[in-house]
Amino acid sequence: MYERLTALGSRLLGKFVPEIDAAAAEILACRNYGACWQCAGKCGYNAPCYACCNSSGCPTVICHC
């Protein structure tokens, strides 16, 4: 009986509390790079940049054209 109540409580809690993706909570590491392919479209060449990256990619790239 206790197992059934525990399972029911877990299901109800899951309906009201959102799940958090662990990758979304990962800290970004920011640094300067000598050449960034992300700047090729904006600058016309792989210009130096300042980028903040994690294992999912680099959401922040500032090109220094």
PDB file of N, CA and C in Angstrom:
ATOM      1  N   MET A   1       0.817  -1.190   0.000  1.00  0.00           N
ATOM      2  CA  MET A   1       0.000   0.000   0.000  1.00  0.00           C
ATOM      3  C   MET A   1       0.867   1.264   0.000  1.00  0.00           C
ATOM      4  N   TYR A   2       1.939   1.229   0.784  1.00  0.00           N
ATOM      5  CA  TYR A   2       2.839   2.385   0.854  1.00  0.00           C
ATOM      6  C   TYR A   2       3.462   2.683  -0.517  1.00  0.00           C
ATOM      7  N   GLU A   3       3.834   1.643  -1.253  1.00  0.00           N
ATOM      8  CA  GLU A   3       4.430   1.827  -2.588  1.00  0.00           C
ATOM      9  C   GLU A   3       3.436   2.481  -3.542  1.00  0.00           C
ATOM     10  N   ARG A   4       2.180   2.109  -3.457  1.00  0.00           N
ATOM     11  CA  ARG A   4       1.163   2.700  -4.324  1.00  0.00           C
ATOM     12  C   ARG A   4       0.981   4.191  -4.012  1.00  0.00           C
ATOM     13  N   LEU A   5       0.948   4.522  -2.726  1.00  0.00           N
ATOM     14  CA  LEU A   5       0.809   5.929  -2.344  1.00  0.00           C
ATOM     15  C   LEU A   5       2.025   6.738  -2.781  1.00  0.00           C
ATOM     16  N   THR A   6       3.202   6.164  -2.658  1.00  0.00           N
ATOM     17  CA  THR A   6       4.426   6.841  -3.080  1.00  0.00           C
ATOM     18  C   THR A   6       4.415   7.085  -4.587  1.00  0.00           C
ATOM     19  N   ALA A   7       4.011   6.087  -5.362  1.00  0.00           N
ATOM     20  CA  ALA A   7       3.941   6.232  -6.811  1.00  0.00           C
ATOM     21  C   ALA A   7       2.905   7.284  -7.206  1.00  0.00           C
ATOM     22  N   LEU A   8       1.765   7.274  -6.543  1.00  0.00           N
ATOM     23  CA  LEU A   8       0.724   8.259  -6.825  1.00  0.00           C
ATOM     24  C   LEU A   8       1.221   9.665  -6.501  1.00  0.00           C
ATOM     25  N   GLY A   9       1.892   9.828  -5.363  1.00  0.00           N
ATOM     26  CA  GLY A   9       2.441  11.129  -4.986  1.00  0.00           C
ATOM     27  C   GLY A   9       3.478  11.614  -5.982  1.00  0.00           C
ATOM     28  N   SER A  10       4.309  10.718  -6.481  1.00  0.00           N
ATOM     29  CA  SER A  10       5.328  11.098  -7.471  1.00  0.00           C
ATOM     30  C   SER A  10       4.687  11.556  -8.768  1.00  0.00           C
ATOM     31  N   ARG A  11       3.642  10.868  -9.196  1.00  0.00           N
ATOM     32  CA  ARG A  11       2.954  11.264 -10.430  1.00  0.00           C
ATOM     33  C   ARG A  11       2.290  12.627 -10.265  1.00  0.00           C
ATOM     34  N   LEU A  12       1.644  12.848  -9.127  1.00  0.00           N
ATOM     35  CA  LEU A  12       0.998  14.138  -8.891  1.00  0.00           C
ATOM     36  C   LEU A  12       2.028  15.262  -8.816  1.00  0.00           C
ATOM     37  N   LEU A  13       3.124  15.023  -8.145  1.00  0.00           N
ATOM     38  CA  LEU A  13       4.183  16.026  -8.048  1.00  0.00           C
ATOM     39  C   LEU A  13       4.739  16.354  -9.425  1.00  0.00           C
ATOM     40  N   GLY A  14       4.879  15.345 -10.280  1.00  0.00           N
ATOM     41  CA  GLY A  14       5.381  15.545 -11.638  1.00  0.00           C
ATOM     42  C   GLY A  14       4.472  16.421 -12.488  1.00  0.00           C
ATOM     43  N   LYS A  15       3.188  16.440 -12.170  1.00  0.00           N
ATOM     44  CA  LYS A  15       2.250  17.275 -12.933  1.00  0.00           C
ATOM     45  C   LYS A  15       2.360  18.753 -12.576  1.00  0.00           C
ATOM     46  N   PHE A  16       2.807  19.052 -11.369  1.00  0.00           N
ATOM     47  CA  PHE A  16       2.834  20.432 -10.905  1.00  0.00           C
ATOM     48  C   PHE A  16       4.231  21.051 -10.825  1.00  0.00           C
ATOM     49  N   VAL A  17       5.253  20.226 -10.783  1.00  0.00           N
ATOM     50  CA  VAL A  17       6.627  20.722 -10.689  1.00  0.00           C
ATOM     51  C   VAL A  17       7.337  20.434 -12.011  1.00  0.00           C
ATOM     52  N   PRO A  18       7.790  21.479 -12.722  1.00  0.00           N
ATOM     53  CA  PRO A  18       8.445  21.247 -14.012  1.00  0.00           C
ATOM     54  C   PRO A  18       9.806  20.582 -13.851  1.00  0.00           C
ATOM     55  N   GLU A  19      10.188  19.798 -14.851  1.00  0.00           N
ATOM     56  CA  GLU A  19      11.513  19.192 -14.865  1.00  0.00           C
ATOM     57  C   GLU A  19      12.526  20.230 -15.322  1.00  0.00           C
ATOM     58  N   ILE A  20      13.724  20.125 -14.809  1.00  0.00           N
ATOM     59  CA  ILE A  20      14.802  21.041 -15.187  1.00  0.00           C
ATOM     60  C   ILE A  20      15.844  20.248 -15.955  1.00  0.00           C
ATOM     61  N   ASP A  21      16.191  20.739 -17.132  1.00  0.00           N
ATOM     62  CA  ASP A  21      17.224  20.096 -17.934  1.00  0.00           C
ATOM     63  C   ASP A  21      18.582  20.458 -17.353  1.00  0.00           C
ATOM     64  N   ALA A  22      19.388  19.461 -17.012  1.00  0.00           N
ATOM     65  CA  ALA A  22      20.694  19.709 -16.397  1.00  0.00           C
ATOM     66  C   ALA A  22      21.619  20.471 -17.338  1.00  0.00           C
ATOM     67  N   ALA A  23      21.493  20.276 -18.632  1.00  0.00           N
ATOM     68  CA  ALA A  23      22.353  20.982 -19.587  1.00  0.00           C
ATOM     69  C   ALA A  23      22.068  22.479 -19.579  1.00  0.00           C
ATOM     70  N   ALA A  24      20.832  22.846 -19.315  1.00  0.00           N
ATOM     71  CA  ALA A  24      20.483  24.261 -19.298  1.00  0.00           C
ATOM     72  C   ALA A  24      21.103  24.983 -18.109  1.00  0.00           C
ATOM     73  N   ALA A  25      21.412  24.250 -17.062  1.00  0.00           N
ATOM     74  CA  ALA A  25      21.977  24.857 -15.865  1.00  0.00           C
ATOM     75  C   ALA A  25      23.506  24.927 -15.917  1.00  0.00           C
ATOM     76  N   GLU A  26      24.102  24.442 -16.976  1.00  0.00           N
ATOM     77  CA  GLU A  26      25.558  24.428 -17.083  1.00  0.00           C
ATOM     78  C   GLU A  26      26.108  25.850 -17.217  1.00  0.00           C
ATOM     79  N   ILE A  27      27.192  26.125 -16.546  1.00  0.00           N
ATOM     80  CA  ILE A  27      27.800  27.454 -16.537  1.00  0.00           C
ATOM     81  C   ILE A  27      28.548  27.699 -17.845  1.00  0.00           C
ATOM     82  N   LEU A  28      28.427  28.924 -18.363  1.00  0.00           N
ATOM     83  CA  LEU A  28      29.139  29.320 -19.571  1.00  0.00           C
ATOM     84  C   LEU A  28      30.564  29.740 -19.218  1.00  0.00           C
ATOM     85  N   ALA A  29      31.502  29.364 -20.053  1.00  0.00           N
ATOM     86  CA  ALA A  29      32.896  29.785 -19.903  1.00  0.00           C
ATOM     87  C   ALA A  29      33.185  30.808 -20.998  1.00  0.00           C
ATOM     88  N   CYS A  30      33.610  32.028 -20.608  1.00  0.00           N
ATOM     89  CA  CYS A  30      33.838  33.108 -21.562  1.00  0.00           C
ATOM     90  C   CYS A  30      35.330  33.385 -21.707  1.00  0.00           C
ATOM     91  N   ARG A  31      35.746  33.629 -22.950  1.00  0.00           N
ATOM     92  CA  ARG A  31      37.141  33.974 -23.218  1.00  0.00           C
ATOM     93  C   ARG A  31      37.275  34.567 -24.614  1.00  0.00           C
ATOM     94  N   ASN A  32      38.448  35.101 -24.911  1.00  0.00           N
ATOM     95  CA  ASN A  32      38.754  35.644 -26.238  1.00  0.00           C
ATOM     96  C   ASN A  32      39.349  34.551 -27.113  1.00  0.00           C
ATOM     97  N   TYR A  33      38.980  34.569 -28.381  1.00  0.00           N
ATOM     98  CA  TYR A  33      39.507  33.617 -29.364  1.00  0.00           C
ATOM     99  C   TYR A  33      40.158  34.395 -30.499  1.00  0.00           C
ATOM    100  N   GLY A  34      41.214  33.866 -31.065  1.00  0.00           N
ATOM    101  CA  GLY A  34      41.950  34.532 -32.135  1.00  0.00           C
ATOM    102  C   GLY A  34      41.233  34.518 -33.474  1.00  0.00           C
ATOM    103  N   ALA A  35      40.459  33.491 -33.740  1.00  0.00           N
ATOM    104  CA  ALA A  35      39.720  33.384 -35.003  1.00  0.00           C
ATOM    105  C   ALA A  35      38.445  32.590 -34.749  1.00  0.00           C
ATOM    106  N   CYS A  36      37.301  33.156 -35.151  1.00  0.00           N
ATOM    107  CA  CYS A  36      36.003  32.518 -34.907  1.00  0.00           C
ATOM    108  C   CYS A  36      35.247  32.339 -36.218  1.00  0.00           C
ATOM    109  N   TRP A  37      34.865  31.107 -36.523  1.00  0.00           N
ATOM    110  CA  TRP A  37      34.128  30.860 -37.758  1.00  0.00           C
ATOM    111  C   TRP A  37      32.760  31.534 -37.718  1.00  0.00           C
ATOM    112  N   GLN A  38      32.209  31.773 -36.535  1.00  0.00           N
ATOM    113  CA  GLN A  38      30.909  32.429 -36.421  1.00  0.00           C
ATOM    114  C   GLN A  38      30.936  33.855 -36.952  1.00  0.00           C
ATOM    115  N   CYS A  39      32.145  34.463 -37.058  1.00  0.00           N
ATOM    116  CA  CYS A  39      32.277  35.846 -37.528  1.00  0.00           C
ATOM    117  C   CYS A  39      32.430  35.941 -39.041  1.00  0.00           C
ATOM    118  N   ALA A  40      32.556  34.813 -39.725  1.00  0.00           N
ATOM    119  CA  ALA A  40      32.786  34.834 -41.169  1.00  0.00           C
ATOM    120  C   ALA A  40      31.644  35.526 -41.917  1.00  0.00           C
ATOM    121  N   GLY A  41      30.417  35.315 -41.511  1.00  0.00           N
ATOM    122  CA  GLY A  41      29.276  35.952 -42.179  1.00  0.00           C
ATOM    123  C   GLY A  41      29.186  37.439 -41.890  1.00  0.00           C
ATOM    124  N   LYS A  42      29.493  37.831 -40.664  1.00  0.00           N
ATOM    125  CA  LYS A  42      29.393  39.229 -40.273  1.00  0.00           C
ATOM    126  C   LYS A  42      30.588  40.056 -40.744  1.00  0.00           C
ATOM    127  N   CYS A  43      31.791  39.510 -40.605  1.00  0.00           N
ATOM    128  CA  CYS A  43      33.017  40.258 -40.902  1.00  0.00           C
ATOM    129  C   CYS A  43      33.615  39.939 -42.269  1.00  0.00           C
ATOM    130  N   GLY A  44      33.230  38.817 -42.849  1.00  0.00           N
ATOM    131  CA  GLY A  44      33.797  38.418 -44.127  1.00  0.00           C
ATOM    132  C   GLY A  44      35.035  37.542 -43.982  1.00  0.00           C
ATOM    133  N   TYR A  45      35.460  37.298 -42.757  1.00  0.00           N
ATOM    134  CA  TYR A  45      36.602  36.421 -42.476  1.00  0.00           C
ATOM    135  C   TYR A  45      36.475  35.920 -41.036  1.00  0.00           C
ATOM    136  N   ASN A  46      37.293  34.957 -40.665  1.00  0.00           N
ATOM    137  CA  ASN A  46      37.257  34.427 -39.308  1.00  0.00           C
ATOM    138  C   ASN A  46      37.953  35.403 -38.362  1.00  0.00           C
ATOM    139  N   ALA A  47      37.225  36.421 -37.953  1.00  0.00           N
ATOM    140  CA  ALA A  47      37.768  37.498 -37.115  1.00  0.00           C
ATOM    141  C   ALA A  47      37.919  37.032 -35.668  1.00  0.00           C
ATOM    142  N   PRO A  48      38.743  37.735 -34.892  1.00  0.00           N
ATOM    143  CA  PRO A  48      38.820  37.436 -33.461  1.00  0.00           C
ATOM    144  C   PRO A  48      37.467  37.718 -32.798  1.00  0.00           C
ATOM    145  N   CYS A  49      37.195  37.039 -31.693  1.00  0.00           N
ATOM    146  CA  CYS A  49      35.929  37.241 -31.009  1.00  0.00           C
ATOM    147  C   CYS A  49      36.052  36.969 -29.522  1.00  0.00           C
ATOM    148  N   TYR A  50      35.024  37.384 -28.816  1.00  0.00           N
ATOM    149  CA  TYR A  50      34.831  37.060 -27.412  1.00  0.00           C
ATOM    150  C   TYR A  50      33.606  36.163 -27.383  1.00  0.00           C
ATOM    151  N   ALA A  51      33.742  34.943 -26.853  1.00  0.00           N
ATOM    152  CA  ALA A  51      32.632  33.998 -26.873  1.00  0.00           C
ATOM    153  C   ALA A  51      32.440  33.348 -25.513  1.00  0.00           C
ATOM    154  N   CYS A  52      31.174  33.101 -25.183  1.00  0.00           N
ATOM    155  CA  CYS A  52      30.802  32.370 -23.970  1.00  0.00           C
ATOM    156  C   CYS A  52      30.210  31.041 -24.414  1.00  0.00           C
ATOM    157  N   CYS A  53      30.834  29.941 -24.004  1.00  0.00           N
ATOM    158  CA  CYS A  53      30.455  28.617 -24.496  1.00  0.00           C
ATOM    159  C   CYS A  53      30.248  27.627 -23.359  1.00  0.00           C
ATOM    160  N   ASN A  54      29.471  26.581 -23.661  1.00  0.00           N
ATOM    161  CA  ASN A  54      29.347  25.414 -22.797  1.00  0.00           C
ATOM    162  C   ASN A  54      29.331  24.190 -23.703  1.00  0.00           C
ATOM    163  N   SER A  55      28.996  23.029 -23.186  1.00  0.00           N
ATOM    164  CA  SER A  55      29.031  21.815 -24.001  1.00  0.00           C
ATOM    165  C   SER A  55      27.964  21.809 -25.093  1.00  0.00           C
ATOM    166  N   SER A  56      26.964  22.688 -25.007  1.00  0.00           N
ATOM    167  CA  SER A  56      25.911  22.765 -26.021  1.00  0.00           C
ATOM    168  C   SER A  56      26.255  23.704 -27.175  1.00  0.00           C
ATOM    169  N   GLY A  57      27.292  24.526 -27.022  1.00  0.00           N
ATOM    170  CA  GLY A  57      27.663  25.477 -28.067  1.00  0.00           C
ATOM    171  C   GLY A  57      28.021  26.823 -27.476  1.00  0.00           C
ATOM    172  N   CYS A  58      28.000  27.831 -28.319  1.00  0.00           N
ATOM    173  CA  CYS A  58      28.369  29.196 -27.910  1.00  0.00           C
ATOM    174  C   CYS A  58      27.196  30.138 -28.193  1.00  0.00           C
ATOM    175  N   PRO A  59      26.319  30.355 -27.224  1.00  0.00           N
ATOM    176  CA  PRO A  59      25.172  31.230 -27.462  1.00  0.00           C
ATOM    177  C   PRO A  59      25.551  32.705 -27.566  1.00  0.00           C
ATOM    178  N   THR A  60      26.707  33.092 -27.014  1.00  0.00           N
ATOM    179  CA  THR A  60      27.146  34.493 -27.064  1.00  0.00           C
ATOM    180  C   THR A  60      28.467  34.585 -27.800  1.00  0.00           C
ATOM    181  N   VAL A  61      28.471  35.259 -28.956  1.00  0.00           N
ATOM    182  CA  VAL A  61      29.689  35.488 -29.733  1.00  0.00           C
ATOM    183  C   VAL A  61      29.714  36.965 -30.133  1.00  0.00           C
ATOM    184  N   ILE A  62      30.760  37.687 -29.712  1.00  0.00           N
ATOM    185  CA  ILE A  62      30.925  39.098 -30.066  1.00  0.00           C
ATOM    186  C   ILE A  62      32.153  39.199 -30.956  1.00  0.00           C
ATOM    187  N   CYS A  63      31.930  39.554 -32.212  1.00  0.00           N
ATOM    188  CA  CYS A  63      33.016  39.627 -33.206  1.00  0.00           C
ATOM    189  C   CYS A  63      33.742  40.952 -33.128  1.00  0.00           C
ATOM    190  N   HIS A  64      35.069  40.905 -33.315  1.00  0.00           N
ATOM    191  CA  HIS A  64      35.905  42.107 -33.349  1.00  0.00           C
ATOM    192  C   HIS A  64      36.436  42.276 -34.775  1.00  0.00           C
ATOM    193  N   CYS A  65      35.601  42.816 -35.658  1.00  0.00           N
ATOM    194  CA  CYS A  65      35.968  42.974 -37.065  1.00  0.00           C
ATOM    195  C   CYS A  65      36.971  44.109 -37.229  1.00  0.00           C
TER     196      CYS A  65
END
